[in-house]
């Protein structure tokens, strides 16, 4: 009688796995016959071939070049359902997801870009639990403290929304402003929104216009519309002052 292959994590080779969710309809559509899993030992997320779908996957690999590019080598084993009624899973297919074991190691070793990428990928998973959130926030915090602008922005937005971390407007304003001062277009947009809404700092429509104006100049797509909405709330004198201030060298709120 054939025996089902025990799935293993491609990163740490651990066997303690849990089901994850598809990150998007597109990911599910591009990977027929597979299912997402996450290793509970190291947090690595990967795709594995589900039992009963081996023939479907073979057909997809023959017909679909895009799927074949993601999984160049697929080892298909013979499976059967376990007595517990759970669906057996074949050995994981080597499919690239949002980050690789090498990226995880680089993040743990202190690589700033890897910390941002892995931290963001962990938080993007629909089934991210508290342990993964803590690890992800740790990576983002380390990257932000070492000057990574997008990590600063990501942290700021997380604290503003209060999802994946407790809501904290002071920390939101701190990290969003730092990102804006580094020239991150979305950081400028978010800082303009903070001034417009009076979140984490006193409401100031002139400063809101200044930062939305800078974001628009940096080609953020949402900034022109929001800049126009704020402009309608300003007097002509305030608008001229805001436009002149846009050209001045920005400085942190703590220095003004």
Protein backbone atom coordinates (compact mmCIF):
# COMPACT_ATOMS: atom_id res chain seq x y z
CA UNK A 1 0.00 0.00 0.00
CA UNK A 2 1.46 3.43 -0.89
CA UNK A 3 2.38 5.75 1.97
CA UNK A 4 1.78 9.51 1.99
CA UNK A 5 4.89 11.68 2.03
CA UNK A 6 5.28 13.68 5.22
CA UNK A 7 5.48 17.38 4.33
CA UNK A 8 8.51 19.32 5.53
CA UNK A 9 9.27 23.03 5.70
CA UNK A 10 11.71 23.99 2.91
CA UNK A 11 13.37 26.48 5.28
CA UNK A 12 13.98 24.56 8.52
CA UNK A 13 12.72 21.08 7.49
CA UNK A 14 10.28 21.11 10.37
CA UNK A 15 7.13 19.03 10.20
CA UNK A 16 4.89 21.19 12.42
CA UNK A 17 2.80 22.93 9.79
CA UNK A 18 -0.48 24.81 9.76
CA UNK A 19 -2.69 25.90 6.92
CA UNK A 20 -2.35 29.48 5.74
CA UNK A 21 -4.73 31.44 3.54
CA UNK A 22 -4.32 32.57 -0.03
CA UNK A 23 -2.97 36.12 -0.16
CA UNK A 24 -5.05 36.95 -3.22
CA UNK A 25 -7.33 35.39 -5.82
CA UNK A 26 -4.48 35.77 -8.30
CA UNK A 27 -2.09 33.68 -6.18
CA UNK A 28 -4.70 30.92 -5.89
CA UNK A 29 -5.47 31.08 -9.61
CA UNK A 30 -1.78 30.81 -10.55
CA UNK A 31 -1.19 27.75 -8.37
CA UNK A 32 -3.89 25.15 -9.12
CA UNK A 33 -3.78 21.95 -7.09
CA UNK A 34 -1.74 23.51 -4.29
CA UNK A 35 -2.41 24.95 -0.86
CA UNK A 36 -0.54 27.47 1.31
CA UNK A 37 1.09 26.22 4.52
CA UNK A 38 3.13 27.91 7.23
CA UNK A 39 5.78 26.33 9.45
CA UNK A 40 5.01 26.96 13.11
CA UNK A 41 8.68 26.54 14.00
CA UNK A 42 10.23 29.26 11.81
CA UNK A 43 7.22 31.10 10.34
CA UNK A 44 8.12 30.31 6.72
CA UNK A 45 5.15 30.23 4.33
CA UNK A 46 5.21 27.98 1.26
CA UNK A 47 2.97 26.17 -1.20
CA UNK A 48 2.48 22.39 -1.25
CA UNK A 49 0.63 20.06 -3.60
CA UNK A 50 -2.65 18.88 -2.07
CA UNK A 51 -3.64 15.21 -2.20
CA UNK A 52 -5.90 14.30 -5.07
CA UNK A 53 -4.64 17.21 -7.13
CA UNK A 54 -1.44 15.71 -8.53
CA UNK A 55 -2.93 15.16 -11.99
CA UNK A 56 -4.32 18.69 -12.02
CA UNK A 57 -0.91 20.08 -11.19
CA UNK A 58 0.80 18.01 -13.89
CA UNK A 59 -1.65 19.35 -16.46
CA UNK A 60 -1.18 22.91 -15.25
CA UNK A 61 2.60 22.59 -15.42
CA UNK A 62 2.37 21.25 -18.97
CA UNK A 63 0.00 23.94 -20.20
CA UNK A 64 0.83 26.95 -18.06
CA UNK A 65 4.31 28.39 -18.53
CA UNK A 66 3.77 30.84 -15.71
CA UNK A 67 3.18 28.06 -13.19
CA UNK A 68 6.11 26.08 -14.58
CA UNK A 69 8.38 29.07 -14.02
CA UNK A 70 7.41 29.17 -10.35
CA UNK A 71 8.00 25.46 -9.82
CA UNK A 72 10.69 24.17 -12.15
CA UNK A 73 10.97 20.79 -10.44
CA UNK A 74 8.01 19.07 -8.83
CA UNK A 75 8.31 15.70 -7.17
CA UNK A 76 4.93 13.98 -7.36
CA UNK A 77 4.38 11.17 -4.86
CA UNK A 78 1.51 8.74 -4.31
CA UNK A 79 -0.89 9.78 -1.53
CA UNK A 80 -3.92 8.50 0.28
CA UNK A 81 -6.20 10.09 2.88
CA UNK A 82 -5.35 9.50 6.52
CA UNK A 83 -7.69 7.77 8.95
CA UNK A 84 -8.39 11.07 10.70
CA UNK A 85 -10.22 12.29 7.62
CA UNK A 86 -7.70 15.08 7.00
CA UNK A 87 -6.49 15.59 3.47
CA UNK A 88 -2.95 14.27 2.99
CA UNK A 89 -0.36 16.61 1.50
CA UNK A 90 2.52 15.83 -0.80
CA UNK A 91 6.09 17.03 -0.29
CA UNK A 92 6.23 20.85 -0.66
CA UNK A 93 6.84 22.30 -4.10
CA UNK A 94 9.69 24.81 -4.31
CA UNK A 95 7.55 27.87 -5.03
CA UNK A 96 8.79 31.39 -4.45
CA UNK A 97 6.49 33.37 -2.15
CA UNK A 98 7.04 36.81 -0.66
CA UNK A 99 10.35 35.89 0.94
CA UNK A 100 12.84 33.04 0.90
CA UNK A 101 14.70 31.21 3.67
CA UNK A 102 17.77 33.19 2.62
CA UNK A 103 15.85 36.43 3.11
CA UNK A 104 14.69 35.31 6.56
CA UNK A 105 18.29 34.51 7.54
CA UNK A 106 19.48 37.85 6.17
CA UNK A 107 16.81 39.64 8.22
CA UNK A 108 17.84 37.79 11.36
CA UNK A 109 21.47 38.67 10.62
CA UNK A 110 20.61 42.38 10.46
CA UNK A 111 20.19 43.12 6.75
CA UNK A 112 17.96 46.23 6.72
CA UNK A 113 16.29 45.64 3.35
CA UNK A 114 15.61 42.00 4.23
CA UNK A 115 14.13 43.07 7.57
CA UNK A 116 11.70 45.37 5.79
CA UNK A 117 10.77 42.79 3.17
CA UNK A 118 10.32 39.85 5.54
CA UNK A 119 8.49 41.94 8.14
CA UNK A 120 6.07 43.23 5.50
CA UNK A 121 5.54 39.74 4.07
CA UNK A 122 4.71 38.25 7.48
CA UNK A 123 2.12 40.95 8.12
CA UNK A 124 0.60 40.50 4.65
CA UNK A 125 -0.50 36.94 5.44
CA UNK A 126 -4.22 36.86 6.21
CA UNK A 127 -3.63 34.33 9.00
CA UNK A 128 -0.79 36.17 10.72
CA UNK A 129 -0.97 35.36 14.42
CA UNK A 130 0.42 37.26 17.41
CA UNK A 131 3.79 35.51 17.28
CA UNK A 132 4.28 36.39 13.61
CA UNK A 133 3.08 39.97 14.19
CA UNK A 134 5.60 40.39 17.00
CA UNK A 135 8.41 39.04 14.84
CA UNK A 136 7.36 41.21 11.88
CA UNK A 137 7.14 44.36 14.00
CA UNK A 138 10.56 43.58 15.45
CA UNK A 139 12.07 43.43 11.96
CA UNK A 140 10.35 46.65 10.89
CA UNK A 141 11.41 48.42 14.09
CA UNK A 142 15.04 47.43 13.57
CA UNK A 143 14.99 48.57 9.95
CA UNK A 144 13.30 51.86 10.81
CA UNK A 145 15.75 52.64 13.58
CA UNK A 146 18.57 52.14 11.08
CA UNK A 147 17.11 54.64 8.62
CA UNK A 148 14.94 52.56 6.26
CA UNK A 149 12.29 55.01 5.01
CA UNK A 150 9.68 52.48 3.91
CA UNK A 151 9.99 50.63 7.22
CA UNK A 152 9.38 53.93 9.02
CA UNK A 153 6.30 54.52 6.90
CA UNK A 154 4.99 50.99 7.43
CA UNK A 155 5.40 51.29 11.20
CA UNK A 156 3.69 54.67 11.23
CA UNK A 157 0.67 53.42 9.30
CA UNK A 158 0.41 50.34 11.53
CA UNK A 159 0.32 52.51 14.67
CA UNK A 160 -2.15 54.92 13.06
CA UNK A 161 -4.59 52.16 12.11
CA UNK A 162 -4.07 50.08 15.25
CA UNK A 163 -3.93 46.81 13.29
CA UNK A 164 -1.05 44.39 14.04
CA UNK A 165 -0.08 46.69 16.94
CA UNK A 166 -2.00 48.79 19.48
CA UNK A 167 -3.12 52.14 18.09
CA UNK A 168 -0.69 54.89 19.12
CA UNK A 169 -0.97 58.27 17.38
CA UNK A 170 2.25 59.56 18.93
CA UNK A 171 4.29 56.71 17.43
CA UNK A 172 2.35 57.01 14.17
CA UNK A 173 3.27 60.68 13.84
CA UNK A 174 6.89 60.02 14.82
CA UNK A 175 7.56 57.38 12.17
CA UNK A 176 5.45 58.92 9.40
CA UNK A 177 7.20 62.26 9.83
CA UNK A 178 10.61 60.59 9.72
CA UNK A 179 9.63 58.83 6.48
CA UNK A 180 8.36 62.10 4.98
CA UNK A 181 11.57 63.91 5.89
CA UNK A 182 13.53 61.19 4.10
CA UNK A 183 11.55 61.93 0.94
CA UNK A 184 9.13 58.99 0.90
CA UNK A 185 6.21 60.22 -1.28
CA UNK A 186 3.60 58.21 0.65
CA UNK A 187 5.18 59.38 3.90
CA UNK A 188 4.57 62.97 2.77
CA UNK A 189 0.99 62.08 1.91
CA UNK A 190 0.38 60.43 5.29
CA UNK A 191 1.97 63.36 7.14
CA UNK A 192 -0.32 65.76 5.30
CA UNK A 193 -3.26 63.63 6.37
CA UNK A 194 -2.13 63.70 10.00
CA UNK A 195 -2.00 67.51 9.96
CA UNK A 196 -5.36 67.67 8.20
CA UNK A 197 -7.01 65.34 10.72
CA UNK A 198 -5.14 66.55 13.80
CA UNK A 199 -3.92 63.03 14.57
CA UNK A 200 -0.77 62.75 16.65
CA UNK A 201 -0.16 66.50 16.25
CA UNK A 202 -2.24 69.70 16.31
CA UNK A 203 -4.52 70.16 13.32
CA UNK A 204 -2.91 72.59 10.86
CA UNK A 205 -4.41 72.99 7.38
CA UNK A 206 -1.49 75.06 6.10
CA UNK A 207 1.01 72.33 7.02
CA UNK A 208 -1.39 69.73 5.66
CA UNK A 209 -1.33 71.54 2.31
CA UNK A 210 2.49 71.85 2.43
CA UNK A 211 3.02 68.12 2.81
CA UNK A 212 0.29 67.13 0.36
CA UNK A 213 1.85 69.58 -2.11
CA UNK A 214 5.25 67.93 -1.64
CA UNK A 215 3.69 64.48 -2.05
CA UNK A 216 2.01 65.58 -5.30
CA UNK A 217 5.32 66.95 -6.57
CA UNK A 218 6.85 63.54 -5.75
CA UNK A 219 4.13 61.97 -7.94
CA UNK A 220 1.99 60.32 -5.30
CA UNK A 221 -1.26 59.56 -7.12
CA UNK A 222 -3.65 60.47 -4.29
CA UNK A 223 -1.94 63.70 -3.28
CA UNK A 224 -3.25 66.12 -5.96
CA UNK A 225 -6.89 65.40 -5.17
CA UNK A 226 -6.37 65.67 -1.40
CA UNK A 227 -4.26 68.81 -1.83
CA UNK A 228 -7.15 70.38 -3.76
CA UNK A 229 -9.60 69.51 -0.98
CA UNK A 230 -7.40 71.20 1.62
CA UNK A 231 -6.75 74.21 -0.62
CA UNK A 232 -10.48 74.97 -0.69
CA UNK A 233 -10.39 75.36 3.10
CA UNK A 234 -7.60 77.97 3.04
CA UNK A 235 -7.78 81.70 2.53
CA UNK A 236 -5.78 83.18 -0.33
CA UNK A 237 -3.18 84.43 2.14
CA UNK A 238 -2.88 81.02 3.78
CA UNK A 239 -2.62 79.33 0.38
CA UNK A 240 0.21 81.61 -0.75
CA UNK A 241 2.00 81.04 2.54
CA UNK A 242 1.58 77.25 2.21
CA UNK A 243 2.90 77.25 -1.35
CA UNK A 244 5.93 79.31 -0.34
CA UNK A 245 6.55 77.03 2.66
CA UNK A 246 6.52 73.99 0.38
CA UNK A 247 9.79 75.19 -1.16
CA UNK A 248 11.54 75.63 2.19
CA UNK A 249 13.78 72.90 3.60
CA UNK A 250 11.57 70.71 5.82
CA UNK A 251 12.50 70.17 9.44
CA UNK A 252 11.11 67.86 12.15
CA UNK A 253 8.17 69.13 14.18
CA UNK A 254 10.34 68.96 17.31
CA UNK A 255 12.66 71.62 15.81
CA UNK A 256 9.92 74.06 14.83
